[in-house]
């Protein structure tokens, strides 16, 4: 598969989107923050949020010195705010255990709160040039089509897909970084889920799926996410928005007016309390209150 890797590396090096975390000298801390933000959030929304975040907290210790609720407040509407708490926890661990320097070792990264197999390898590869396979949704789709001849990647198979990508990486660390980044970029911009632009793909004449005549996918599919509108996630977001917008604890009577379904609202609030995204303050000036942690 050396030819496959060379095509990807050369295609990526010839031109790609200019994103902050791809620029020379971008700090490892910035790469880690960007990877947290990019989980479940489009690039266009991440770029300005990342700039604000790094302006306020240029190092892990800067974030660790503030209450975790400030991370949740700053997260604003990026979605899945538990990531903000995990990032605060990771910053605290880096400041305390690693001398305020994001570690380069994959195992050390995996030991940080909220850091999984993808994020650990992405930071190691893109911030430090470590030769390690980086596999996200976009990479999985390219591997499925170009290597296995399948139209979709199906449910994640983390170990198998890491081994598959590992086998494609050149031994040279810089070339391996280009292949990791290039495969991801290819999946994001050309080999897209619904409208792949095969005529622009550097793998067009070696793609197993194209050579097989684009067969329909017949394997298992990943579970479809439930609608956001009317969901508990939406109600959680509404409550969090109220808490983020207030400099003081919010009375429970105000929270009770945010959503008409009292049972669903109570369920959402209980979830926020359980996840550590909110605190209940009993007997406040205006009765029981909720606040950011």
C-alpha atoms as a PDB file:
ATOM      1  CA  UNK A   1       0.000   0.000   0.000  1.00  0.00           C
ATOM      2  CA  UNK A   2       3.003   2.298  -0.323  1.00  0.00           C
ATOM      3  CA  UNK A   3       1.523   3.819  -3.485  1.00  0.00           C
ATOM      4  CA  UNK A   4      -1.757   4.490  -1.651  1.00  0.00           C
ATOM      5  CA  UNK A   5       0.076   6.320   1.140  1.00  0.00           C
ATOM      6  CA  UNK A   6       2.237   8.306  -1.285  1.00  0.00           C
ATOM      7  CA  UNK A   7      -0.803   9.481  -3.205  1.00  0.00           C
ATOM      8  CA  UNK A   8      -2.489  10.690  -0.017  1.00  0.00           C
ATOM      9  CA  UNK A   9       0.636  12.409   1.320  1.00  0.00           C
ATOM     10  CA  UNK A  10       1.407  14.172  -1.960  1.00  0.00           C
ATOM     11  CA  UNK A  11      -2.224  15.229  -2.456  1.00  0.00           C
ATOM     12  CA  UNK A  12      -2.395  16.711   1.045  1.00  0.00           C
ATOM     13  CA  UNK A  13       0.951  18.461   0.778  1.00  0.00           C
ATOM     14  CA  UNK A  14      -0.055  20.053  -2.531  1.00  0.00           C
ATOM     15  CA  UNK A  15      -2.848  22.004  -0.838  1.00  0.00           C
ATOM     16  CA  UNK A  16      -5.392  21.722   1.968  1.00  0.00           C
ATOM     17  CA  UNK A  17      -7.654  23.890   4.111  1.00  0.00           C
ATOM     18  CA  UNK A  18      -5.835  26.464   6.205  1.00  0.00           C
ATOM     19  CA  UNK A  19      -6.882  25.588   9.748  1.00  0.00           C
ATOM     20  CA  UNK A  20      -5.194  26.982  12.894  1.00  0.00           C
ATOM     21  CA  UNK A  21      -4.096  23.611  14.276  1.00  0.00           C
ATOM     22  CA  UNK A  22      -2.305  22.792  11.009  1.00  0.00           C
ATOM     23  CA  UNK A  23      -0.083  25.871  11.037  1.00  0.00           C
ATOM     24  CA  UNK A  24       3.619  25.585  11.934  1.00  0.00           C
ATOM     25  CA  UNK A  25       4.297  26.329  15.586  1.00  0.00           C
ATOM     26  CA  UNK A  26       0.719  25.834  16.739  1.00  0.00           C
ATOM     27  CA  UNK A  27       0.988  24.738  20.407  1.00  0.00           C
ATOM     28  CA  UNK A  28       0.211  21.211  21.557  1.00  0.00           C
ATOM     29  CA  UNK A  29      -2.269  22.661  24.072  1.00  0.00           C
ATOM     30  CA  UNK A  30      -4.121  24.300  21.197  1.00  0.00           C
ATOM     31  CA  UNK A  31      -4.175  20.994  19.330  1.00  0.00           C
ATOM     32  CA  UNK A  32      -5.650  19.244  22.360  1.00  0.00           C
ATOM     33  CA  UNK A  33      -8.321  21.935  22.811  1.00  0.00           C
ATOM     34  CA  UNK A  34      -9.193  21.785  19.102  1.00  0.00           C
ATOM     35  CA  UNK A  35      -9.596  18.017  19.224  1.00  0.00           C
ATOM     36  CA  UNK A  36     -11.979  18.264  22.179  1.00  0.00           C
ATOM     37  CA  UNK A  37     -14.003  20.893  20.335  1.00  0.00           C
ATOM     38  CA  UNK A  38     -14.063  19.026  17.038  1.00  0.00           C
ATOM     39  CA  UNK A  39     -15.811  16.049  18.619  1.00  0.00           C
ATOM     40  CA  UNK A  40     -19.406  16.439  17.364  1.00  0.00           C
ATOM     41  CA  UNK A  41     -18.930  20.086  16.284  1.00  0.00           C
ATOM     42  CA  UNK A  42     -18.330  21.421  12.722  1.00  0.00           C
ATOM     43  CA  UNK A  43     -14.987  23.040  11.908  1.00  0.00           C
ATOM     44  CA  UNK A  44     -16.580  26.404  11.066  1.00  0.00           C
ATOM     45  CA  UNK A  45     -17.919  26.750  14.621  1.00  0.00           C
ATOM     46  CA  UNK A  46     -14.742  25.486  16.255  1.00  0.00           C
ATOM     47  CA  UNK A  47     -12.278  27.956  14.702  1.00  0.00           C
ATOM     48  CA  UNK A  48     -13.606  31.169  16.382  1.00  0.00           C
ATOM     49  CA  UNK A  49     -14.327  29.326  19.652  1.00  0.00           C
ATOM     50  CA  UNK A  50     -10.782  27.972  19.723  1.00  0.00           C
ATOM     51  CA  UNK A  51      -9.330  31.446  19.224  1.00  0.00           C
ATOM     52  CA  UNK A  52     -11.380  32.834  22.131  1.00  0.00           C
ATOM     53  CA  UNK A  53     -10.438  29.889  24.336  1.00  0.00           C
ATOM     54  CA  UNK A  54      -6.691  30.148  23.719  1.00  0.00           C
ATOM     55  CA  UNK A  55      -6.748  33.924  24.171  1.00  0.00           C
ATOM     56  CA  UNK A  56      -8.265  33.490  27.614  1.00  0.00           C
ATOM     57  CA  UNK A  57      -6.401  30.305  28.596  1.00  0.00           C
ATOM     58  CA  UNK A  58      -3.138  30.064  26.628  1.00  0.00           C
ATOM     59  CA  UNK A  59      -1.807  27.202  28.776  1.00  0.00           C
ATOM     60  CA  UNK A  60      -3.388  24.280  30.679  1.00  0.00           C
ATOM     61  CA  UNK A  61      -2.495  25.895  34.016  1.00  0.00           C
ATOM     62  CA  UNK A  62      -4.429  29.040  33.083  1.00  0.00           C
ATOM     63  CA  UNK A  63      -7.592  26.981  32.659  1.00  0.00           C
ATOM     64  CA  UNK A  64      -6.915  24.760  35.685  1.00  0.00           C
ATOM     65  CA  UNK A  65      -6.700  27.863  37.895  1.00  0.00           C
ATOM     66  CA  UNK A  66     -10.359  28.692  37.250  1.00  0.00           C
ATOM     67  CA  UNK A  67     -13.490  26.854  38.440  1.00  0.00           C
ATOM     68  CA  UNK A  68     -14.755  24.179  36.020  1.00  0.00           C
ATOM     69  CA  UNK A  69     -17.965  26.173  35.607  1.00  0.00           C
ATOM     70  CA  UNK A  70     -15.996  28.824  33.723  1.00  0.00           C
ATOM     71  CA  UNK A  71     -15.050  26.196  31.144  1.00  0.00           C
ATOM     72  CA  UNK A  72     -18.729  25.307  30.761  1.00  0.00           C
ATOM     73  CA  UNK A  73     -19.609  29.004  30.421  1.00  0.00           C
ATOM     74  CA  UNK A  74     -16.913  29.550  27.788  1.00  0.00           C
ATOM     75  CA  UNK A  75     -18.035  26.448  25.897  1.00  0.00           C
ATOM     76  CA  UNK A  76     -21.157  28.382  24.969  1.00  0.00           C
ATOM     77  CA  UNK A  77     -23.134  26.499  22.267  1.00  0.00           C
ATOM     78  CA  UNK A  78     -20.547  24.050  20.956  1.00  0.00           C
ATOM     79  CA  UNK A  79     -22.756  21.202  22.187  1.00  0.00           C
ATOM     80  CA  UNK A  80     -22.084  18.227  24.458  1.00  0.00           C
ATOM     81  CA  UNK A  81     -20.843  20.469  27.307  1.00  0.00           C
ATOM     82  CA  UNK A  82     -19.509  17.505  29.263  1.00  0.00           C
ATOM     83  CA  UNK A  83     -16.490  17.963  26.983  1.00  0.00           C
ATOM     84  CA  UNK A  84     -15.797  21.298  28.704  1.00  0.00           C
ATOM     85  CA  UNK A  85     -15.607  19.628  32.103  1.00  0.00           C
ATOM     86  CA  UNK A  86     -13.357  16.897  30.713  1.00  0.00           C
ATOM     87  CA  UNK A  87     -11.101  19.500  29.138  1.00  0.00           C
ATOM     88  CA  UNK A  88     -10.860  21.327  32.456  1.00  0.00           C
ATOM     89  CA  UNK A  89      -9.964  18.014  34.099  1.00  0.00           C
ATOM     90  CA  UNK A  90      -7.344  17.317  31.434  1.00  0.00           C
ATOM     91  CA  UNK A  91      -5.852  20.789  31.906  1.00  0.00           C
ATOM     92  CA  UNK A  92      -5.652  20.238  35.659  1.00  0.00           C
ATOM     93  CA  UNK A  93      -3.924  16.876  35.183  1.00  0.00           C
ATOM     94  CA  UNK A  94      -1.442  18.362  32.697  1.00  0.00           C
ATOM     95  CA  UNK A  95      -0.619  21.241  35.019  1.00  0.00           C
ATOM     96  CA  UNK A  96      -0.173  18.970  38.040  1.00  0.00           C
ATOM     97  CA  UNK A  97       1.390  15.836  36.545  1.00  0.00           C
ATOM     98  CA  UNK A  98       3.212  17.047  33.443  1.00  0.00           C
ATOM     99  CA  UNK A  99       4.649  20.428  34.360  1.00  0.00           C
ATOM    100  CA  UNK A 100       2.041  22.293  32.289  1.00  0.00           C
ATOM    101  CA  UNK A 101       3.219  20.557  29.096  1.00  0.00           C
ATOM    102  CA  UNK A 102       0.831  18.414  27.070  1.00  0.00           C
ATOM    103  CA  UNK A 103       2.442  14.949  26.949  1.00  0.00           C
ATOM    104  CA  UNK A 104       3.506  13.431  23.630  1.00  0.00           C
ATOM    105  CA  UNK A 105       3.148   9.804  24.726  1.00  0.00           C
ATOM    106  CA  UNK A 106      -0.116   8.151  23.648  1.00  0.00           C
ATOM    107  CA  UNK A 107      -0.540   6.254  26.927  1.00  0.00           C
ATOM    108  CA  UNK A 108       0.038   9.413  28.966  1.00  0.00           C
ATOM    109  CA  UNK A 109      -2.538  11.215  26.843  1.00  0.00           C
ATOM    110  CA  UNK A 110      -5.029   8.366  27.274  1.00  0.00           C
ATOM    111  CA  UNK A 111      -4.723   8.771  31.044  1.00  0.00           C
ATOM    112  CA  UNK A 112      -6.089  12.324  30.839  1.00  0.00           C
ATOM    113  CA  UNK A 113      -9.815  12.910  31.565  1.00  0.00           C
ATOM    114  CA  UNK A 114     -11.960  12.768  28.437  1.00  0.00           C
ATOM    115  CA  UNK A 115      -9.140  11.649  26.131  1.00  0.00           C
ATOM    116  CA  UNK A 116      -9.948   8.543  24.094  1.00  0.00           C
ATOM    117  CA  UNK A 117      -8.050   6.544  21.446  1.00  0.00           C
ATOM    118  CA  UNK A 118      -8.690   9.038  18.655  1.00  0.00           C
ATOM    119  CA  UNK A 119      -7.850  12.222  20.584  1.00  0.00           C
ATOM    120  CA  UNK A 120      -4.698  10.747  22.138  1.00  0.00           C
ATOM    121  CA  UNK A 121      -3.314   9.680  18.782  1.00  0.00           C
ATOM    122  CA  UNK A 122      -4.363  12.890  17.033  1.00  0.00           C
ATOM    123  CA  UNK A 123      -2.471  15.026  19.557  1.00  0.00           C
ATOM    124  CA  UNK A 124       0.585  12.765  19.465  1.00  0.00           C
ATOM    125  CA  UNK A 125       0.634  12.697  15.655  1.00  0.00           C
ATOM    126  CA  UNK A 126      -0.274  16.282  14.801  1.00  0.00           C
ATOM    127  CA  UNK A 127       1.328  18.167  17.693  1.00  0.00           C
ATOM    128  CA  UNK A 128       4.469  16.055  18.084  1.00  0.00           C
ATOM    129  CA  UNK A 129       4.878  14.101  14.837  1.00  0.00           C
ATOM    130  CA  UNK A 130       4.603  10.698  16.518  1.00  0.00           C
ATOM    131  CA  UNK A 131       4.044   7.872  14.046  1.00  0.00           C
ATOM    132  CA  UNK A 132       0.709   6.473  15.234  1.00  0.00           C
ATOM    133  CA  UNK A 133      -2.545   5.747  13.368  1.00  0.00           C
ATOM    134  CA  UNK A 134      -5.246   8.405  13.685  1.00  0.00           C
ATOM    135  CA  UNK A 135      -8.739   7.131  12.899  1.00  0.00           C
ATOM    136  CA  UNK A 136     -11.878   9.268  12.985  1.00  0.00           C
ATOM    137  CA  UNK A 137     -15.199   8.988  11.131  1.00  0.00           C
ATOM    138  CA  UNK A 138     -13.719  10.420   7.939  1.00  0.00           C
ATOM    139  CA  UNK A 139     -10.704   8.125   7.972  1.00  0.00           C
ATOM    140  CA  UNK A 140     -12.963   5.139   8.619  1.00  0.00           C
ATOM    141  CA  UNK A 141     -14.998   5.987   5.503  1.00  0.00           C
ATOM    142  CA  UNK A 142     -11.897   6.274   3.287  1.00  0.00           C
ATOM    143  CA  UNK A 143     -10.564   2.958   4.599  1.00  0.00           C
ATOM    144  CA  UNK A 144     -13.916   1.255   4.035  1.00  0.00           C
ATOM    145  CA  UNK A 145     -14.213   2.453   0.457  1.00  0.00           C
ATOM    146  CA  UNK A 146     -10.679   2.624  -0.862  1.00  0.00           C
ATOM    147  CA  UNK A 147      -9.261  -0.428   0.937  1.00  0.00           C
ATOM    148  CA  UNK A 148     -12.188  -2.753   1.646  1.00  0.00           C
ATOM    149  CA  UNK A 149     -14.519  -1.826  -1.226  1.00  0.00           C
ATOM    150  CA  UNK A 150     -17.481  -1.020   1.055  1.00  0.00           C
ATOM    151  CA  UNK A 151     -19.672   2.036   0.587  1.00  0.00           C
ATOM    152  CA  UNK A 152     -19.948   2.734   4.332  1.00  0.00           C
ATOM    153  CA  UNK A 153     -17.728   2.133   7.338  1.00  0.00           C
ATOM    154  CA  UNK A 154     -20.478   0.668   9.525  1.00  0.00           C
ATOM    155  CA  UNK A 155     -20.225   0.638  13.324  1.00  0.00           C
ATOM    156  CA  UNK A 156     -16.769   1.443  14.754  1.00  0.00           C
ATOM    157  CA  UNK A 157     -14.244  -1.374  15.099  1.00  0.00           C
ATOM    158  CA  UNK A 158     -11.540   0.562  16.914  1.00  0.00           C
ATOM    159  CA  UNK A 159      -8.810  -2.074  17.254  1.00  0.00           C
ATOM    160  CA  UNK A 160      -9.200  -3.453  13.730  1.00  0.00           C
ATOM    161  CA  UNK A 161      -9.328  -0.009  12.132  1.00  0.00           C
ATOM    162  CA  UNK A 162      -6.270   1.210  14.035  1.00  0.00           C
ATOM    163  CA  UNK A 163      -4.366  -1.826  12.789  1.00  0.00           C
ATOM    164  CA  UNK A 164      -5.640  -1.187   9.260  1.00  0.00           C
ATOM    165  CA  UNK A 165      -4.444   2.410   9.306  1.00  0.00           C
ATOM    166  CA  UNK A 166      -1.171   1.442  10.984  1.00  0.00           C
ATOM    167  CA  UNK A 167      -0.385  -0.870   8.062  1.00  0.00           C
ATOM    168  CA  UNK A 168      -0.800   2.034   5.626  1.00  0.00           C
ATOM    169  CA  UNK A 169       1.497   4.503   7.402  1.00  0.00           C
ATOM    170  CA  UNK A 170       5.008   5.045   6.024  1.00  0.00           C
ATOM    171  CA  UNK A 171       7.866   4.407   8.454  1.00  0.00           C
ATOM    172  CA  UNK A 172       9.038   8.000   8.092  1.00  0.00           C
ATOM    173  CA  UNK A 173       7.342  10.096  10.794  1.00  0.00           C
ATOM    174  CA  UNK A 174       6.782  13.173   8.644  1.00  0.00           C
ATOM    175  CA  UNK A 175       5.283  11.136   5.803  1.00  0.00           C
ATOM    176  CA  UNK A 176       3.132   9.282   8.331  1.00  0.00           C
ATOM    177  CA  UNK A 177       1.819  12.606   9.643  1.00  0.00           C
ATOM    178  CA  UNK A 178       0.927  13.675   6.107  1.00  0.00           C
ATOM    179  CA  UNK A 179      -0.901  10.395   5.485  1.00  0.00           C
ATOM    180  CA  UNK A 180      -2.872  10.710   8.731  1.00  0.00           C
ATOM    181  CA  UNK A 181      -3.839  14.318   8.044  1.00  0.00           C
ATOM    182  CA  UNK A 182      -4.395  13.703   4.341  1.00  0.00           C
ATOM    183  CA  UNK A 183      -6.686  10.726   4.835  1.00  0.00           C
ATOM    184  CA  UNK A 184      -8.777  12.748   7.264  1.00  0.00           C
ATOM    185  CA  UNK A 185      -8.911  15.716   4.878  1.00  0.00           C
ATOM    186  CA  UNK A 186      -9.854  13.441   1.994  1.00  0.00           C
ATOM    187  CA  UNK A 187     -12.791  12.035   3.954  1.00  0.00           C
ATOM    188  CA  UNK A 188     -13.912  15.503   5.050  1.00  0.00           C
ATOM    189  CA  UNK A 189     -13.742  17.232   1.678  1.00  0.00           C
ATOM    190  CA  UNK A 190     -13.790  14.665  -1.173  1.00  0.00           C
ATOM    191  CA  UNK A 191     -14.786  11.173  -0.025  1.00  0.00           C
ATOM    192  CA  UNK A 192     -17.832  12.522   1.786  1.00  0.00           C
ATOM    193  CA  UNK A 193     -20.644  10.368   3.125  1.00  0.00           C
ATOM    194  CA  UNK A 194     -23.398  11.418   0.733  1.00  0.00           C
ATOM    195  CA  UNK A 195     -21.780  13.006  -2.325  1.00  0.00           C
ATOM    196  CA  UNK A 196     -18.243  11.705  -2.897  1.00  0.00           C
ATOM    197  CA  UNK A 197     -16.365  13.569  -5.632  1.00  0.00           C
ATOM    198  CA  UNK A 198     -14.481  10.610  -7.043  1.00  0.00           C
ATOM    199  CA  UNK A 199     -13.185  12.561 -10.037  1.00  0.00           C
ATOM    200  CA  UNK A 200     -11.104  14.696  -7.630  1.00  0.00           C
ATOM    201  CA  UNK A 201      -9.790  11.820  -5.514  1.00  0.00           C
ATOM    202  CA  UNK A 202      -6.094  10.889  -5.661  1.00  0.00           C
ATOM    203  CA  UNK A 203      -7.132   7.260  -5.066  1.00  0.00           C
ATOM    204  CA  UNK A 204      -9.722   7.146  -7.856  1.00  0.00           C
ATOM    205  CA  UNK A 205      -7.978   4.531  -9.997  1.00  0.00           C
ATOM    206  CA  UNK A 206      -7.043   2.282  -7.063  1.00  0.00           C
ATOM    207  CA  UNK A 207     -10.193   2.645  -4.939  1.00  0.00           C
ATOM    208  CA  UNK A 208     -11.645  -0.808  -4.308  1.00  0.00           C
ATOM    209  CA  UNK A 209     -15.208   0.518  -4.053  1.00  0.00           C
ATOM    210  CA  UNK A 210     -14.995   2.418  -7.355  1.00  0.00           C
ATOM    211  CA  UNK A 211     -13.318  -0.470  -9.153  1.00  0.00           C
ATOM    212  CA  UNK A 212     -16.110  -2.777  -7.962  1.00  0.00           C
ATOM    213  CA  UNK A 213     -18.762  -0.505  -9.464  1.00  0.00           C
ATOM    214  CA  UNK A 214     -19.849   1.243  -6.240  1.00  0.00           C
ATOM    215  CA  UNK A 215     -21.734  -1.711  -4.723  1.00  0.00           C
ATOM    216  CA  UNK A 216     -24.471  -0.917  -2.198  1.00  0.00           C
ATOM    217  CA  UNK A 217     -23.520  -1.321   1.433  1.00  0.00           C
ATOM    218  CA  UNK A 218     -25.177  -4.364   3.012  1.00  0.00           C
ATOM    219  CA  UNK A 219     -23.454  -4.512   6.397  1.00  0.00           C
ATOM    220  CA  UNK A 220     -24.513  -3.255   9.809  1.00  0.00           C
ATOM    221  CA  UNK A 221     -25.041   0.458  10.285  1.00  0.00           C
ATOM    222  CA  UNK A 222     -24.252   2.672  13.230  1.00  0.00           C
ATOM    223  CA  UNK A 223     -27.202   3.687  15.373  1.00  0.00           C
ATOM    224  CA  UNK A 224     -29.008   6.809  14.179  1.00  0.00           C
ATOM    225  CA  UNK A 225     -28.963   9.658  16.673  1.00  0.00           C
ATOM    226  CA  UNK A 226     -32.363  10.738  17.976  1.00  0.00           C
ATOM    227  CA  UNK A 227     -33.835  14.083  16.946  1.00  0.00           C
ATOM    228  CA  UNK A 228     -32.566  17.076  18.909  1.00  0.00           C
ATOM    229  CA  UNK A 229     -35.810  19.071  18.806  1.00  0.00           C
ATOM    230  CA  UNK A 230     -37.910  18.210  21.831  1.00  0.00           C
ATOM    231  CA  UNK A 231     -35.271  15.883  23.278  1.00  0.00           C
ATOM    232  CA  UNK A 232     -33.794  15.851  26.772  1.00  0.00           C
ATOM    233  CA  UNK A 233     -30.592  17.161  25.165  1.00  0.00           C
ATOM    234  CA  UNK A 234     -32.441  20.266  24.007  1.00  0.00           C
ATOM    235  CA  UNK A 235     -33.879  20.860  27.479  1.00  0.00           C
ATOM    236  CA  UNK A 236     -30.454  20.392  29.071  1.00  0.00           C
ATOM    237  CA  UNK A 237     -29.102  22.972  26.644  1.00  0.00           C
ATOM    238  CA  UNK A 238     -31.828  25.458  27.521  1.00  0.00           C
ATOM    239  CA  UNK A 239     -31.124  25.116  31.247  1.00  0.00           C
ATOM    240  CA  UNK A 240     -27.366  25.411  30.722  1.00  0.00           C
ATOM    241  CA  UNK A 241     -27.833  28.508  28.579  1.00  0.00           C
ATOM    242  CA  UNK A 242     -29.733  30.120  31.451  1.00  0.00           C
ATOM    243  CA  UNK A 243     -26.967  29.217  33.906  1.00  0.00           C
ATOM    244  CA  UNK A 244     -24.192  30.425  31.579  1.00  0.00           C
ATOM    245  CA  UNK A 245     -25.947  33.739  31.066  1.00  0.00           C
ATOM    246  CA  UNK A 246     -26.147  34.525  34.775  1.00  0.00           C
ATOM    247  CA  UNK A 247     -23.324  35.708  37.025  1.00  0.00           C
ATOM    248  CA  UNK A 248     -25.267  34.535  40.069  1.00  0.00           C
ATOM    249  CA  UNK A 249     -27.131  31.322  40.927  1.00  0.00           C
ATOM    250  CA  UNK A 250     -30.502  31.002  39.185  1.00  0.00           C
ATOM    251  CA  UNK A 251     -33.596  30.435  41.358  1.00  0.00           C
ATOM    252  CA  UNK A 252     -35.375  27.124  40.818  1.00  0.00           C
ATOM    253  CA  UNK A 253     -38.616  28.995  40.119  1.00  0.00           C
ATOM    254  CA  UNK A 254     -36.897  30.590  37.081  1.00  0.00           C
ATOM    255  CA  UNK A 255     -35.674  27.202  35.867  1.00  0.00           C
ATOM    256  CA  UNK A 256     -39.199  25.794  36.199  1.00  0.00           C
ATOM    257  CA  UNK A 257     -40.426  28.344  33.666  1.00  0.00           C
ATOM    258  CA  UNK A 258     -37.955  27.354  30.954  1.00  0.00           C
ATOM    259  CA  UNK A 259     -39.821  24.298  29.617  1.00  0.00           C
ATOM    260  CA  UNK A 260     -43.509  23.334  29.691  1.00  0.00           C
ATOM    261  CA  UNK A 261     -43.032  19.609  30.410  1.00  0.00           C
ATOM    262  CA  UNK A 262     -42.194  19.524  34.133  1.00  0.00           C
ATOM    263  CA  UNK A 263     -41.211  15.859  34.093  1.00  0.00           C
ATOM    264  CA  UNK A 264     -38.825  16.268  31.185  1.00  0.00           C
ATOM    265  CA  UNK A 265     -37.369  19.408  32.727  1.00  0.00           C
ATOM    266  CA  UNK A 266     -36.761  17.612  36.023  1.00  0.00           C
ATOM    267  CA  UNK A 267     -35.094  14.760  34.156  1.00  0.00           C
ATOM    268  CA  UNK A 268     -32.825  17.187  32.303  1.00  0.00           C
ATOM    269  CA  UNK A 269     -31.870  19.022  35.506  1.00  0.00           C
ATOM    270  CA  UNK A 270     -31.147  15.721  37.267  1.00  0.00           C
ATOM    271  CA  UNK A 271     -28.886  14.766  34.361  1.00  0.00           C
ATOM    272  CA  UNK A 272     -26.967  18.048  34.597  1.00  0.00           C
ATOM    273  CA  UNK A 273     -26.510  17.580  38.339  1.00  0.00           C
ATOM    274  CA  UNK A 274     -25.404  13.980  37.881  1.00  0.00           C
ATOM    275  CA  UNK A 275     -22.887  14.924  35.179  1.00  0.00           C
ATOM    276  CA  UNK A 276     -21.400  17.697  37.293  1.00  0.00           C
ATOM    277  CA  UNK A 277     -22.535  20.418  34.886  1.00  0.00           C
ATOM    278  CA  UNK A 278     -24.701  22.141  37.516  1.00  0.00           C
ATOM    279  CA  UNK A 279     -24.860  22.486  41.281  1.00  0.00           C
ATOM    280  CA  UNK A 280     -27.961  22.729  43.444  1.00  0.00           C
ATOM    281  CA  UNK A 281     -27.803  25.384  46.183  1.00  0.00           C
ATOM    282  CA  UNK A 282     -30.437  24.889  48.859  1.00  0.00           C
ATOM    283  CA  UNK A 283     -31.913  27.751  50.816  1.00  0.00           C
ATOM    284  CA  UNK A 284     -30.522  30.589  48.733  1.00  0.00           C
ATOM    285  CA  UNK A 285     -31.756  34.157  48.909  1.00  0.00           C
ATOM    286  CA  UNK A 286     -34.592  33.318  46.522  1.00  0.00           C
ATOM    287  CA  UNK A 287     -35.084  29.723  47.675  1.00  0.00           C
ATOM    288  CA  UNK A 288     -33.340  26.752  46.076  1.00  0.00           C
ATOM    289  CA  UNK A 289     -31.030  27.702  43.199  1.00  0.00           C
ATOM    290  CA  UNK A 290     -28.937  26.178  40.419  1.00  0.00           C
ATOM    291  CA  UNK A 291     -25.457  27.320  39.395  1.00  0.00           C
ATOM    292  CA  UNK A 292     -22.526  26.286  37.263  1.00  0.00           C
ATOM    293  CA  UNK A 293     -19.926  24.196  39.161  1.00  0.00           C
END
